[in-house]
N, C-alpha and C. Protein backbone atom coordinates (compact mmCIF):
# COMPACT_ATOMS: atom_id res chain seq x y z
N MET A 1 111.45 88.38 117.91
CA MET A 1 112.76 88.23 117.45
C MET A 1 112.99 89.57 116.68
N GLU A 2 114.23 90.33 117.06
CA GLU A 2 114.60 91.68 116.67
C GLU A 2 116.07 91.23 115.61
N ILE A 3 115.87 91.81 114.36
CA ILE A 3 116.85 91.85 113.62
C ILE A 3 117.92 93.39 113.67
N GLU A 4 118.87 93.23 113.83
CA GLU A 4 119.96 94.53 113.97
C GLU A 4 120.94 94.29 112.65
N ILE A 5 120.94 95.09 111.83
CA ILE A 5 121.90 94.90 110.61
C ILE A 5 123.15 96.02 111.23
N ILE A 6 124.48 95.10 111.19
CA ILE A 6 125.57 95.90 111.57
C ILE A 6 126.48 96.16 110.42
N GLU A 7 126.53 95.71 109.36
CA GLU A 7 127.31 95.72 108.03
C GLU A 7 126.59 95.12 106.77
N GLU A 8 126.67 96.28 105.75
CA GLU A 8 125.91 96.11 104.65
C GLU A 8 126.88 96.44 103.37
N ASN A 9 127.38 95.53 102.73
CA ASN A 9 128.54 96.03 101.58
C ASN A 9 128.02 95.62 100.26
N LYS A 10 127.91 96.22 99.13
CA LYS A 10 127.68 96.12 97.76
C LYS A 10 128.83 95.41 97.11
N ASN A 11 128.56 94.14 96.74
CA ASN A 11 129.53 93.35 96.09
C ASN A 11 129.31 93.47 94.49
N LYS A 12 130.17 93.73 94.05
CA LYS A 12 129.76 94.04 92.56
C LYS A 12 130.19 93.14 91.27
N VAL A 13 130.78 92.30 91.78
CA VAL A 13 131.51 91.12 91.13
C VAL A 13 130.58 90.46 91.36
N PHE A 14 129.56 89.83 92.31
CA PHE A 14 128.73 88.97 92.40
C PHE A 14 127.22 89.73 92.18
N ASN A 15 127.27 90.93 92.04
CA ASN A 15 125.99 91.36 91.93
C ASN A 15 124.96 91.22 93.19
N ARG A 16 125.53 91.58 93.92
CA ARG A 16 124.79 91.35 95.17
C ARG A 16 125.27 92.32 96.61
N ASN A 17 124.14 92.30 97.78
CA ASN A 17 124.58 93.07 98.57
C ASN A 17 124.77 91.71 99.77
N GLU A 18 126.02 92.05 100.44
CA GLU A 18 126.07 91.16 101.80
C GLU A 18 125.81 91.82 103.04
N ILE A 19 125.25 91.02 103.85
CA ILE A 19 124.64 91.82 105.22
C ILE A 19 124.85 90.88 106.15
N LYS A 20 125.58 91.77 107.30
CA LYS A 20 126.14 91.12 108.88
C LYS A 20 124.90 91.32 109.63
N PHE A 21 124.57 90.74 110.46
CA PHE A 21 123.14 91.15 111.18
C PHE A 21 123.23 90.16 112.41
N TYR A 22 122.65 91.09 113.81
CA TYR A 22 122.53 90.07 114.88
C TYR A 22 120.86 89.91 114.92
N VAL A 23 120.68 88.76 115.26
CA VAL A 23 119.48 88.60 115.87
C VAL A 23 119.37 88.36 117.37
N ASP A 24 118.41 89.04 118.04
CA ASP A 24 117.94 88.88 119.53
C ASP A 24 116.62 87.99 119.61
N TYR A 25 116.88 87.18 120.28
CA TYR A 25 115.69 86.21 120.40
C TYR A 25 115.40 85.89 121.95
N GLU A 26 115.62 86.88 122.75
CA GLU A 26 115.38 87.02 124.29
C GLU A 26 113.80 86.36 124.32
N GLY A 27 114.04 85.05 125.11
CA GLY A 27 112.70 84.58 125.87
C GLY A 27 112.26 83.64 124.82
N GLU A 28 112.37 83.58 123.65
CA GLU A 28 112.29 82.60 122.71
C GLU A 28 113.30 81.14 122.30
N ALA A 29 112.65 80.53 121.59
CA ALA A 29 113.70 79.53 121.15
C ALA A 29 114.55 79.85 119.75
N THR A 30 115.74 79.53 119.81
CA THR A 30 116.42 79.71 118.85
C THR A 30 115.75 79.70 117.32
N PRO A 31 115.64 80.91 116.64
CA PRO A 31 114.93 81.02 115.63
C PRO A 31 115.46 80.01 114.31
N LYS A 32 114.24 79.48 113.69
CA LYS A 32 114.80 78.66 112.23
C LYS A 32 115.41 79.62 111.00
N LEU A 33 116.17 79.15 110.33
CA LEU A 33 116.77 80.05 109.43
C LEU A 33 115.92 80.67 108.23
N ILE A 34 114.68 79.83 108.29
CA ILE A 34 113.43 80.18 107.34
C ILE A 34 112.72 81.65 107.87
N ASP A 35 112.59 81.61 109.10
CA ASP A 35 112.15 82.75 109.95
C ASP A 35 112.90 83.71 109.87
N VAL A 36 114.24 83.82 110.20
CA VAL A 36 115.03 84.71 109.89
C VAL A 36 115.17 85.26 108.51
N LYS A 37 114.92 84.41 107.64
CA LYS A 37 115.03 84.93 106.14
C LYS A 37 113.59 85.86 105.95
N ALA A 38 112.57 85.26 106.60
CA ALA A 38 111.35 86.25 106.19
C ALA A 38 111.18 87.49 107.06
N LYS A 39 111.77 87.36 108.15
CA LYS A 39 111.99 88.76 108.89
C LYS A 39 113.22 89.69 108.11
N LEU A 40 114.04 89.12 107.79
CA LEU A 40 114.95 89.86 107.17
C LEU A 40 114.48 90.73 105.68
N VAL A 41 113.71 89.78 105.17
CA VAL A 41 113.25 90.15 103.53
C VAL A 41 112.35 91.23 104.12
N ALA A 42 111.54 91.33 104.97
CA ALA A 42 110.32 92.63 105.28
C ALA A 42 111.46 93.77 105.83
N LEU A 43 112.23 93.47 106.65
CA LEU A 43 113.23 94.49 107.06
C LEU A 43 114.12 95.09 106.03
N LEU A 44 114.59 94.64 105.09
CA LEU A 44 115.00 95.18 103.70
C LEU A 44 114.48 95.67 102.91
N ASN A 45 113.02 94.93 102.46
CA ASN A 45 112.37 95.37 101.57
C ASN A 45 112.92 94.50 100.31
N THR A 46 112.90 93.54 100.18
CA THR A 46 113.63 92.89 98.94
C THR A 46 112.53 91.60 98.52
N LYS A 47 112.81 90.66 97.92
CA LYS A 47 112.07 89.68 97.42
C LYS A 47 112.79 88.50 97.85
N LYS A 48 111.71 87.79 98.45
CA LYS A 48 112.06 86.41 98.78
C LYS A 48 113.16 85.53 98.16
N GLY A 49 112.94 85.51 96.78
CA GLY A 49 113.46 84.58 96.11
C GLY A 49 114.97 85.23 95.61
N LEU A 50 115.17 86.25 95.91
CA LEU A 50 116.52 86.94 95.86
C LEU A 50 117.61 86.83 97.10
N THR A 51 116.85 86.58 98.10
CA THR A 51 117.68 86.60 99.42
C THR A 51 118.13 85.16 100.24
N VAL A 52 119.51 85.21 100.19
CA VAL A 52 119.80 83.75 100.65
C VAL A 52 120.42 84.12 102.07
N VAL A 53 119.75 83.38 103.28
CA VAL A 53 120.79 83.54 104.76
C VAL A 53 121.85 82.38 104.81
N ASP A 54 122.87 82.57 104.57
CA ASP A 54 123.90 81.65 104.21
C ASP A 54 124.17 81.00 105.56
N ASN A 55 123.85 81.87 106.96
CA ASN A 55 124.30 81.04 108.22
C ASN A 55 123.47 81.84 109.23
N VAL A 56 123.26 81.73 110.26
CA VAL A 56 123.01 82.20 111.58
C VAL A 56 123.74 81.27 112.97
N GLN A 57 124.69 81.96 113.59
CA GLN A 57 125.54 81.41 114.59
C GLN A 57 125.10 82.15 115.87
N PRO A 58 124.43 80.78 116.87
CA PRO A 58 124.29 81.44 118.09
C PRO A 58 125.36 81.61 119.03
N HIS A 59 125.07 82.77 119.98
CA HIS A 59 126.61 82.94 120.82
C HIS A 59 125.71 82.04 121.88
N TYR A 60 127.11 81.43 122.38
CA TYR A 60 127.04 80.36 123.76
C TYR A 60 126.27 81.06 124.74
N GLY A 61 125.35 80.76 125.45
CA GLY A 61 124.45 81.25 126.92
C GLY A 61 123.98 82.23 126.43
N GLU A 62 123.56 82.86 125.53
CA GLU A 62 123.25 84.35 125.03
C GLU A 62 121.90 84.16 124.07
N PRO A 63 121.10 84.73 124.28
CA PRO A 63 119.62 84.88 123.23
C PRO A 63 120.18 85.41 122.10
N LYS A 64 121.18 85.56 121.68
CA LYS A 64 121.61 86.20 120.41
C LYS A 64 122.36 85.22 119.62
N ALA A 65 122.18 85.67 117.98
CA ALA A 65 123.07 84.94 117.02
C ALA A 65 123.71 86.14 116.01
N LEU A 66 124.90 85.58 115.59
CA LEU A 66 125.27 86.45 114.41
C LEU A 66 124.94 85.91 112.98
N GLY A 67 124.42 86.50 112.01
CA GLY A 67 124.14 85.95 110.93
C GLY A 67 124.85 86.70 109.81
N TYR A 68 124.63 85.82 108.56
CA TYR A 68 125.17 86.45 107.46
C TYR A 68 124.29 86.21 106.14
N ALA A 69 123.86 86.92 105.39
CA ALA A 69 122.81 86.94 103.95
C ALA A 69 123.47 87.80 103.13
N LYS A 70 122.97 87.19 101.89
CA LYS A 70 123.12 87.76 100.53
C LYS A 70 121.74 88.15 99.66
N VAL A 71 122.04 89.30 99.20
CA VAL A 71 120.81 89.65 98.31
C VAL A 71 121.30 90.11 96.99
N TYR A 72 120.61 89.30 96.22
CA TYR A 72 121.01 89.42 94.73
C TYR A 72 120.25 89.89 93.93
N ASP A 73 120.92 90.48 92.80
CA ASP A 73 120.21 91.31 91.94
C ASP A 73 119.31 90.83 91.08
N THR A 74 119.62 89.45 90.33
CA THR A 74 118.94 88.82 89.70
C THR A 74 118.79 87.28 90.26
N ILE A 75 117.75 86.61 89.86
CA ILE A 75 117.73 85.02 89.84
C ILE A 75 118.62 84.57 89.62
N GLU A 76 119.21 84.66 88.26
CA GLU A 76 120.02 83.79 87.14
C GLU A 76 121.54 84.34 88.26
N ASP A 77 121.90 85.34 88.79
CA ASP A 77 123.23 85.25 89.42
C ASP A 77 123.13 84.54 90.87
N LEU A 78 121.63 84.56 91.64
CA LEU A 78 121.78 83.67 92.45
C LEU A 78 121.97 82.09 92.20
N GLU A 79 121.18 81.42 91.15
CA GLU A 79 121.42 80.39 90.87
C GLU A 79 122.71 79.94 90.29
N TYR A 80 123.42 80.78 89.52
CA TYR A 80 124.85 80.69 89.02
C TYR A 80 125.93 80.26 90.10
N ILE A 81 125.57 81.53 91.30
CA ILE A 81 126.33 81.58 92.53
C ILE A 81 126.61 80.44 93.66
N GLU A 82 125.06 80.32 94.16
CA GLU A 82 125.08 79.82 95.46
C GLU A 82 125.01 78.08 94.70
N THR A 83 125.59 77.26 96.05
CA THR A 83 125.71 75.98 95.96
C THR A 83 124.13 75.42 96.41
N LYS A 84 123.77 74.00 95.84
CA LYS A 84 122.86 73.46 96.22
C LYS A 84 122.19 73.46 97.52
N HIS A 85 123.24 72.98 98.51
CA HIS A 85 122.67 72.79 99.54
C HIS A 85 122.31 73.98 100.22
N ILE A 86 122.95 75.24 100.02
CA ILE A 86 122.58 76.74 100.49
C ILE A 86 121.04 76.88 100.14
N LEU A 87 120.88 76.93 98.81
CA LEU A 87 119.68 76.90 98.30
C LEU A 87 118.43 76.06 99.01
N ALA A 88 118.74 74.96 98.90
CA ALA A 88 117.84 73.81 99.91
C ALA A 88 117.48 74.48 101.17
N LYS A 89 118.34 74.77 102.05
CA LYS A 89 118.15 75.32 103.53
C LYS A 89 117.37 76.56 103.54
N ASN A 90 117.58 77.34 102.58
CA ASN A 90 116.53 78.78 102.23
C ASN A 90 115.35 78.33 101.67
N THR A 91 114.97 77.31 101.35
CA THR A 91 113.67 76.81 100.70
C THR A 91 112.66 76.34 101.82
N GLU A 92 111.40 76.60 102.06
CA GLU A 92 110.53 76.29 102.68
C GLU A 92 110.22 75.12 102.48
N ALA A 93 110.00 74.02 103.28
CA ALA A 93 109.44 72.31 102.97
C ALA A 93 108.23 72.55 102.51
N ALA A 94 107.91 71.55 101.43
CA ALA A 94 106.47 71.77 101.05
C ALA A 94 105.30 71.00 101.89
N PRO A 95 104.33 71.28 101.85
CA PRO A 95 103.47 70.69 102.88
C PRO A 95 103.02 69.51 102.60
N ALA A 96 103.11 68.49 103.83
CA ALA A 96 103.06 66.93 103.20
C ALA A 96 101.67 66.74 102.56
N GLU A 97 101.46 65.93 102.09
CA GLU A 97 99.93 65.61 101.32
C GLU A 97 99.55 64.49 102.17
N ASP A 98 98.35 64.34 102.32
CA ASP A 98 98.08 62.95 103.05
C ASP A 98 97.81 61.73 102.03
N GLU A 99 98.48 60.84 102.41
CA GLU A 99 98.29 59.77 101.55
C GLU A 99 96.70 58.89 101.46
N GLU A 100 96.39 58.49 100.55
CA GLU A 100 95.21 57.77 100.22
C GLU A 100 95.33 56.60 101.07
N GLU A 101 93.93 56.13 101.48
CA GLU A 101 94.12 54.63 101.88
C GLU A 101 93.61 53.97 100.99
């Protein structure tokens, strides 16, 4: 999976950088949002807790997707602005604990 940043804007009103990018996943399954977020965090050299991947929209018939992400300046700004369902889909699932018999 390769990520190419096509646009990056500083939004001073919301204290965040807004990023549009392409994800190329030739020969692979459509990547999960969490995997795209991890790769984007490494590429931008940001903190995982301040980065939110809003959406990843695959192109029909192509191994390519258009995505939109936001990198906030502070965790307070992120929690104040982002909705609960966006934060939930950007959080990794906790590992399931084995039930005792």
